[in-house]
Amino acid sequence: MTLQQKLRPAGVPEGEAERQHESMLAFRQAQRSTVGLGRQRLAAFADKVYAVCQLTSARRRGGSIATGQLAYAAILEALFQLPEVQSGEVDFSQAVAVLSDITARCQNRYEDAS
């Protein structure tokens, strides 16, 4: 599945999904070109975003978060609350780009595959 296909159940319009795809590609390029401590910080932040995804998926499967738009909103809200985002160390748009990268490579977080 493409990123755009995975974002459909979350109610993300095609135009927005395409922009997320573009920001994901920019993130991947930046990730490849970053070295040293910057690369370690980026990897650590990506691990935190992945953990948010895992927690949200578990809550969705457990029934405390509905599939689709509510699951997507829960992930975005959790990303916005990360200390790195709140402090301005990581821009929220970069956090969403990391989420897009993870979403593109992992199972669908917003609904179970049929």
N, C-alpha and C. Protein backbone atom coordinates (compact mmCIF):
# COMPACT_ATOMS: atom_id res chain seq x y z
N MET A 1 0.83 -1.19 0.00
CA MET A 1 0.00 0.00 0.00
C MET A 1 0.88 1.25 0.00
N THR A 2 0.46 2.25 -0.73
CA THR A 2 1.17 3.53 -0.72
C THR A 2 0.77 4.33 0.52
N LEU A 3 1.53 5.37 0.79
CA LEU A 3 1.18 6.25 1.91
C LEU A 3 -0.21 6.83 1.70
N GLN A 4 -0.50 7.25 0.49
CA GLN A 4 -1.80 7.85 0.21
C GLN A 4 -2.93 6.85 0.50
N GLN A 5 -2.75 5.59 0.13
CA GLN A 5 -3.77 4.57 0.40
C GLN A 5 -3.93 4.36 1.90
N LYS A 6 -2.84 4.38 2.64
CA LYS A 6 -2.92 4.18 4.09
C LYS A 6 -3.58 5.36 4.79
N LEU A 7 -3.49 6.55 4.20
CA LEU A 7 -4.08 7.74 4.82
C LEU A 7 -5.57 7.89 4.50
N ARG A 8 -6.07 7.19 3.49
CA ARG A 8 -7.50 7.29 3.15
C ARG A 8 -8.42 6.96 4.32
N PRO A 9 -8.20 5.83 5.05
CA PRO A 9 -9.09 5.54 6.17
C PRO A 9 -9.05 6.60 7.26
N ALA A 10 -7.97 7.39 7.29
CA ALA A 10 -7.84 8.46 8.28
C ALA A 10 -8.56 9.72 7.84
N GLY A 11 -9.15 9.69 6.64
CA GLY A 11 -9.90 10.83 6.14
C GLY A 11 -9.02 11.94 5.60
N VAL A 12 -7.77 11.63 5.29
CA VAL A 12 -6.86 12.65 4.76
C VAL A 12 -7.16 12.84 3.27
N PRO A 13 -7.49 14.06 2.87
CA PRO A 13 -7.77 14.32 1.45
C PRO A 13 -6.54 14.03 0.58
N GLU A 14 -6.79 13.69 -0.68
CA GLU A 14 -5.70 13.31 -1.59
C GLU A 14 -4.61 14.38 -1.69
N GLY A 15 -5.00 15.64 -1.78
CA GLY A 15 -4.01 16.71 -1.89
C GLY A 15 -3.11 16.78 -0.67
N GLU A 16 -3.71 16.65 0.50
CA GLU A 16 -2.93 16.66 1.74
C GLU A 16 -2.03 15.42 1.81
N ALA A 17 -2.56 14.29 1.41
CA ALA A 17 -1.77 13.06 1.41
C ALA A 17 -0.57 13.18 0.47
N GLU A 18 -0.77 13.83 -0.66
CA GLU A 18 0.34 14.04 -1.59
C GLU A 18 1.40 14.94 -0.97
N ARG A 19 0.98 16.00 -0.28
CA ARG A 19 1.94 16.88 0.38
C ARG A 19 2.68 16.13 1.48
N GLN A 20 2.00 15.24 2.18
CA GLN A 20 2.67 14.43 3.20
C GLN A 20 3.68 13.50 2.54
N HIS A 21 3.34 12.97 1.38
CA HIS A 21 4.27 12.12 0.64
C HIS A 21 5.53 12.92 0.27
N GLU A 22 5.33 14.13 -0.20
CA GLU A 22 6.47 14.98 -0.57
C GLU A 22 7.33 15.31 0.64
N SER A 23 6.70 15.62 1.79
CA SER A 23 7.48 15.93 2.99
C SER A 23 8.20 14.68 3.50
N MET A 24 7.59 13.52 3.32
CA MET A 24 8.24 12.26 3.68
C MET A 24 9.51 12.07 2.85
N LEU A 25 9.42 12.32 1.55
CA LEU A 25 10.59 12.18 0.69
C LEU A 25 11.69 13.17 1.09
N ALA A 26 11.31 14.39 1.44
CA ALA A 26 12.29 15.38 1.90
C ALA A 26 12.93 14.93 3.20
N PHE A 27 12.14 14.36 4.11
CA PHE A 27 12.68 13.84 5.36
C PHE A 27 13.68 12.72 5.09
N ARG A 28 13.33 11.80 4.20
CA ARG A 28 14.25 10.70 3.89
C ARG A 28 15.56 11.22 3.31
N GLN A 29 15.49 12.23 2.47
CA GLN A 29 16.70 12.80 1.91
C GLN A 29 17.53 13.46 3.01
N ALA A 30 16.89 14.21 3.89
CA ALA A 30 17.60 14.86 5.00
C ALA A 30 18.22 13.81 5.93
N GLN A 31 17.49 12.75 6.16
CA GLN A 31 17.99 11.68 7.02
C GLN A 31 19.25 11.05 6.44
N ARG A 32 19.25 10.82 5.14
CA ARG A 32 20.42 10.23 4.49
C ARG A 32 21.63 11.15 4.52
N SER A 33 21.40 12.46 4.48
CA SER A 33 22.51 13.39 4.42
C SER A 33 23.01 13.84 5.80
N THR A 34 22.27 13.53 6.85
CA THR A 34 22.66 13.92 8.20
C THR A 34 23.65 12.90 8.76
N VAL A 35 24.65 13.40 9.47
CA VAL A 35 25.67 12.53 10.05
C VAL A 35 25.86 12.85 11.53
N GLY A 36 26.57 11.96 12.22
CA GLY A 36 26.97 12.20 13.60
C GLY A 36 25.82 12.34 14.57
N LEU A 37 25.97 13.31 15.47
CA LEU A 37 24.99 13.53 16.53
C LEU A 37 23.62 13.90 15.96
N GLY A 38 23.61 14.66 14.87
CA GLY A 38 22.33 15.01 14.25
C GLY A 38 21.57 13.80 13.79
N ARG A 39 22.28 12.85 13.22
CA ARG A 39 21.64 11.61 12.76
C ARG A 39 21.12 10.80 13.95
N GLN A 40 21.88 10.76 15.04
CA GLN A 40 21.45 10.04 16.24
C GLN A 40 20.19 10.67 16.82
N ARG A 41 20.15 12.00 16.86
CA ARG A 41 18.96 12.69 17.39
C ARG A 41 17.74 12.41 16.52
N LEU A 42 17.95 12.43 15.22
CA LEU A 42 16.86 12.16 14.29
C LEU A 42 16.34 10.73 14.47
N ALA A 43 17.26 9.79 14.62
CA ALA A 43 16.86 8.39 14.83
C ALA A 43 16.13 8.22 16.15
N ALA A 44 16.60 8.89 17.20
CA ALA A 44 15.94 8.80 18.50
C ALA A 44 14.53 9.40 18.44
N PHE A 45 14.39 10.50 17.71
CA PHE A 45 13.06 11.10 17.57
C PHE A 45 12.15 10.18 16.77
N ALA A 46 12.66 9.58 15.71
CA ALA A 46 11.86 8.64 14.91
C ALA A 46 11.41 7.46 15.76
N ASP A 47 12.27 7.01 16.67
CA ASP A 47 11.88 5.92 17.58
C ASP A 47 10.71 6.34 18.47
N LYS A 48 10.73 7.59 18.93
CA LYS A 48 9.61 8.09 19.75
C LYS A 48 8.32 8.15 18.94
N VAL A 49 8.42 8.60 17.70
CA VAL A 49 7.23 8.66 16.84
C VAL A 49 6.70 7.25 16.61
N TYR A 50 7.58 6.30 16.38
CA TYR A 50 7.16 4.92 16.19
C TYR A 50 6.46 4.40 17.45
N ALA A 51 6.97 4.75 18.63
CA ALA A 51 6.33 4.32 19.88
C ALA A 51 4.93 4.90 20.01
N VAL A 52 4.75 6.15 19.59
CA VAL A 52 3.42 6.77 19.60
C VAL A 52 2.48 5.97 18.69
N CYS A 53 3.00 5.58 17.53
CA CYS A 53 2.19 4.78 16.59
C CYS A 53 1.80 3.45 17.23
N GLN A 54 2.75 2.80 17.86
CA GLN A 54 2.48 1.50 18.49
C GLN A 54 1.42 1.63 19.58
N LEU A 55 1.55 2.65 20.42
CA LEU A 55 0.59 2.85 21.50
C LEU A 55 -0.80 3.13 20.94
N THR A 56 -0.86 3.98 19.94
CA THR A 56 -2.16 4.30 19.33
C THR A 56 -2.78 3.07 18.68
N SER A 57 -1.96 2.28 18.00
CA SER A 57 -2.47 1.05 17.38
C SER A 57 -3.01 0.09 18.43
N ALA A 58 -2.30 -0.04 19.53
CA ALA A 58 -2.76 -0.93 20.60
C ALA A 58 -4.08 -0.42 21.19
N ARG A 59 -4.18 0.86 21.39
CA ARG A 59 -5.44 1.43 21.91
C ARG A 59 -6.57 1.25 20.92
N ARG A 60 -6.27 1.40 19.64
CA ARG A 60 -7.30 1.21 18.62
C ARG A 60 -7.78 -0.23 18.61
N ARG A 61 -6.83 -1.17 18.62
CA ARG A 61 -7.22 -2.59 18.64
C ARG A 61 -7.96 -2.96 19.91
N GLY A 62 -7.63 -2.28 21.00
CA GLY A 62 -8.30 -2.54 22.28
C GLY A 62 -9.65 -1.88 22.40
N GLY A 63 -9.98 -1.01 21.45
CA GLY A 63 -11.31 -0.40 21.43
C GLY A 63 -11.41 0.95 22.11
N SER A 64 -10.30 1.49 22.64
CA SER A 64 -10.41 2.79 23.31
C SER A 64 -10.25 3.96 22.34
N ILE A 65 -9.78 3.69 21.12
CA ILE A 65 -9.72 4.70 20.06
C ILE A 65 -10.36 4.09 18.83
N ALA A 66 -11.25 4.83 18.22
CA ALA A 66 -11.92 4.33 17.01
C ALA A 66 -10.96 4.34 15.83
N THR A 67 -11.24 3.51 14.84
CA THR A 67 -10.42 3.46 13.63
C THR A 67 -10.59 4.75 12.84
N GLY A 68 -9.74 4.91 11.86
CA GLY A 68 -9.87 6.00 10.91
C GLY A 68 -9.45 7.35 11.45
N GLN A 69 -10.32 8.31 11.29
CA GLN A 69 -10.00 9.69 11.62
C GLN A 69 -9.62 9.88 13.08
N LEU A 70 -10.28 9.19 13.98
CA LEU A 70 -9.97 9.37 15.40
C LEU A 70 -8.59 8.79 15.75
N ALA A 71 -8.22 7.69 15.13
CA ALA A 71 -6.89 7.13 15.35
C ALA A 71 -5.82 8.08 14.83
N TYR A 72 -6.06 8.64 13.66
CA TYR A 72 -5.11 9.59 13.07
C TYR A 72 -4.99 10.83 13.95
N ALA A 73 -6.10 11.35 14.39
CA ALA A 73 -6.08 12.54 15.26
C ALA A 73 -5.34 12.26 16.56
N ALA A 74 -5.53 11.06 17.12
CA ALA A 74 -4.84 10.70 18.37
C ALA A 74 -3.33 10.69 18.18
N ILE A 75 -2.88 10.17 17.05
CA ILE A 75 -1.44 10.17 16.77
C ILE A 75 -0.92 11.59 16.61
N LEU A 76 -1.62 12.41 15.85
CA LEU A 76 -1.16 13.79 15.66
C LEU A 76 -1.12 14.55 16.98
N GLU A 77 -2.13 14.36 17.81
CA GLU A 77 -2.15 15.03 19.12
C GLU A 77 -0.99 14.57 19.98
N ALA A 78 -0.71 13.28 19.97
CA ALA A 78 0.42 12.75 20.76
C ALA A 78 1.75 13.29 20.22
N LEU A 79 1.89 13.39 18.91
CA LEU A 79 3.11 13.96 18.33
C LEU A 79 3.29 15.41 18.77
N PHE A 80 2.21 16.15 18.73
CA PHE A 80 2.28 17.56 19.10
C PHE A 80 2.71 17.73 20.55
N GLN A 81 2.40 16.75 21.39
CA GLN A 81 2.74 16.83 22.82
C GLN A 81 4.16 16.35 23.14
N LEU A 82 4.85 15.76 22.17
CA LEU A 82 6.22 15.30 22.44
C LEU A 82 7.08 16.49 22.88
N PRO A 83 7.93 16.28 23.88
CA PRO A 83 8.76 17.38 24.39
C PRO A 83 9.59 18.08 23.31
N GLU A 84 10.09 17.33 22.35
CA GLU A 84 10.90 17.92 21.28
C GLU A 84 10.08 18.89 20.42
N VAL A 85 8.81 18.57 20.23
CA VAL A 85 7.93 19.44 19.45
C VAL A 85 7.52 20.64 20.29
N GLN A 86 7.14 20.39 21.53
CA GLN A 86 6.72 21.48 22.41
C GLN A 86 7.82 22.51 22.63
N SER A 87 9.06 22.05 22.71
CA SER A 87 10.19 22.96 22.94
C SER A 87 10.63 23.68 21.68
N GLY A 88 10.18 23.20 20.51
CA GLY A 88 10.60 23.79 19.25
C GLY A 88 11.87 23.16 18.69
N GLU A 89 12.43 22.19 19.40
CA GLU A 89 13.61 21.49 18.89
C GLU A 89 13.31 20.80 17.57
N VAL A 90 12.09 20.23 17.48
CA VAL A 90 11.61 19.60 16.25
C VAL A 90 10.33 20.30 15.85
N ASP A 91 10.30 20.78 14.63
CA ASP A 91 9.11 21.44 14.11
C ASP A 91 8.00 20.39 13.93
N PHE A 92 6.77 20.79 14.20
CA PHE A 92 5.66 19.85 14.08
C PHE A 92 5.57 19.28 12.67
N SER A 93 5.85 20.09 11.66
CA SER A 93 5.81 19.58 10.29
C SER A 93 6.84 18.47 10.08
N GLN A 94 7.99 18.58 10.72
CA GLN A 94 8.99 17.52 10.62
C GLN A 94 8.50 16.27 11.34
N ALA A 95 7.82 16.45 12.47
CA ALA A 95 7.27 15.30 13.19
C ALA A 95 6.25 14.57 12.31
N VAL A 96 5.44 15.32 11.58
CA VAL A 96 4.45 14.71 10.68
C VAL A 96 5.17 14.01 9.52
N ALA A 97 6.27 14.57 9.05
CA ALA A 97 7.05 13.92 7.98
C ALA A 97 7.63 12.60 8.47
N VAL A 98 8.10 12.57 9.71
CA VAL A 98 8.60 11.32 10.30
C VAL A 98 7.46 10.31 10.40
N LEU A 99 6.29 10.77 10.85
CA LEU A 99 5.11 9.91 10.92
C LEU A 99 4.77 9.35 9.54
N SER A 100 4.84 10.19 8.52
CA SER A 100 4.54 9.73 7.17
C SER A 100 5.52 8.66 6.72
N ASP A 101 6.78 8.85 7.05
CA ASP A 101 7.80 7.85 6.70
C ASP A 101 7.50 6.52 7.38
N ILE A 102 7.18 6.58 8.64
CA ILE A 102 6.87 5.36 9.39
C ILE A 102 5.59 4.72 8.86
N THR A 103 4.58 5.53 8.61
CA THR A 103 3.31 5.01 8.08
C THR A 103 3.52 4.32 6.74
N ALA A 104 4.35 4.90 5.90
CA ALA A 104 4.59 4.32 4.57
C ALA A 104 5.28 2.96 4.68
N ARG A 105 6.14 2.78 5.68
CA ARG A 105 6.92 1.55 5.80
C ARG A 105 6.27 0.49 6.68
N CYS A 106 5.28 0.85 7.47
CA CYS A 106 4.73 -0.08 8.47
C CYS A 106 3.29 -0.45 8.13
N GLN A 107 2.74 -1.28 8.98
CA GLN A 107 1.34 -1.66 8.83
C GLN A 107 0.46 -0.42 8.98
N ASN A 108 -0.74 -0.52 8.49
CA ASN A 108 -1.66 0.60 8.57
C ASN A 108 -2.06 0.82 10.02
N ARG A 109 -1.86 2.02 10.50
CA ARG A 109 -2.18 2.38 11.87
C ARG A 109 -3.64 2.80 12.06
N TYR A 110 -4.33 3.06 10.99
CA TYR A 110 -5.64 3.69 11.10
C TYR A 110 -6.80 2.71 10.92
N GLU A 111 -6.50 1.55 10.35
CA GLU A 111 -7.49 0.46 10.28
C GLU A 111 -6.74 -0.82 9.96
N ASP A 112 -7.32 -1.93 10.32
CA ASP A 112 -6.66 -3.21 10.03
C ASP A 112 -6.84 -3.56 8.57
N ALA A 113 -5.82 -4.16 8.02
CA ALA A 113 -5.91 -4.61 6.62
C ALA A 113 -6.95 -5.71 6.51
N SER A 114 -7.66 -5.71 5.41
CA SER A 114 -8.70 -6.74 5.24
C SER A 114 -8.20 -7.84 4.36
